[in-house]
């Protein structure tokens, strides 16, 4: 599964599956990436910048370790 990394409004790094994004919206002047019922309030200043980043962001792969 491929993920992209994003920084939330508070500086935490999150990895999300871009296929799970349902919408990108403005809420109280903040850009919010919606993933179904989950929401990530981002540091983006407008929707266009968020969508551009999502489309261009390099993907990362999360692998599982086998003991």
Protein backbone atom coordinates (compact mmCIF):
# COMPACT_ATOMS: atom_id res chain seq x y z
CA UNK A 1 0.00 0.00 0.00
CA UNK A 2 1.33 3.45 -0.87
CA UNK A 3 1.08 6.44 1.43
CA UNK A 4 2.03 10.09 1.33
CA UNK A 5 3.34 12.10 4.26
CA UNK A 6 1.67 15.28 5.38
CA UNK A 7 2.16 17.64 8.32
CA UNK A 8 -0.87 18.57 10.35
CA UNK A 9 -1.60 21.98 11.83
CA UNK A 10 0.25 21.08 15.04
CA UNK A 11 3.43 19.86 13.33
CA UNK A 12 2.81 16.13 13.58
CA UNK A 13 3.75 14.05 10.56
CA UNK A 14 1.02 11.73 9.33
CA UNK A 15 1.03 9.12 6.58
CA UNK A 16 -2.19 8.78 4.63
CA UNK A 17 -3.40 6.65 1.76
CA UNK A 18 -4.36 9.22 -0.89
CA UNK A 19 -6.97 6.81 -2.28
CA UNK A 20 -8.93 7.33 0.98
CA UNK A 21 -9.24 11.11 0.58
CA UNK A 22 -12.91 12.00 0.21
CA UNK A 23 -12.59 15.79 0.08
CA UNK A 24 -10.39 18.80 0.76
CA UNK A 25 -12.18 21.77 2.27
CA UNK A 26 -11.81 25.02 4.17
CA UNK A 27 -13.07 24.95 7.74
CA UNK A 28 -12.66 28.06 9.90
CA UNK A 29 -9.84 29.33 7.65
CA UNK A 30 -7.93 26.01 7.86
CA UNK A 31 -7.52 23.54 5.02
CA UNK A 32 -8.84 20.14 6.07
CA UNK A 33 -8.19 16.84 4.28
CA UNK A 34 -11.11 14.49 4.87
CA UNK A 35 -10.66 10.71 4.92
CA UNK A 36 -14.17 9.44 5.43
CA UNK A 37 -14.96 10.23 9.06
CA UNK A 38 -11.34 11.19 9.87
CA UNK A 39 -10.07 14.72 9.25
CA UNK A 40 -6.58 16.17 9.14
CA UNK A 41 -6.30 19.91 9.70
CA UNK A 42 -3.26 20.90 7.67
CA UNK A 43 -0.79 23.76 7.41
CA UNK A 44 -1.82 24.49 3.81
CA UNK A 45 -3.13 27.99 3.17
CA UNK A 46 -5.52 27.14 0.34
CA UNK A 47 -7.21 24.17 -1.29
CA UNK A 48 -5.20 24.51 -4.50
CA UNK A 49 -1.89 24.09 -2.66
CA UNK A 50 -3.18 21.04 -0.79
CA UNK A 51 -4.46 19.35 -3.94
CA UNK A 52 -1.23 20.15 -5.80
CA UNK A 53 0.81 18.60 -2.98
CA UNK A 54 -1.38 15.49 -2.82
CA UNK A 55 -0.99 14.97 -6.57
CA UNK A 56 2.80 15.51 -6.58
CA UNK A 57 3.85 14.06 -3.22
CA UNK A 58 6.27 11.16 -3.40
CA UNK A 59 4.77 7.94 -2.15
CA UNK A 60 6.21 6.02 0.75
CA UNK A 61 5.75 2.34 1.44
CA UNK A 62 5.15 1.02 4.89
CA UNK A 63 6.55 -2.43 5.30
CA UNK A 64 5.87 -4.87 8.06
CA UNK A 65 8.61 -6.70 9.87
CA UNK A 66 8.54 -10.41 10.27
CA UNK A 67 9.86 -11.53 13.67
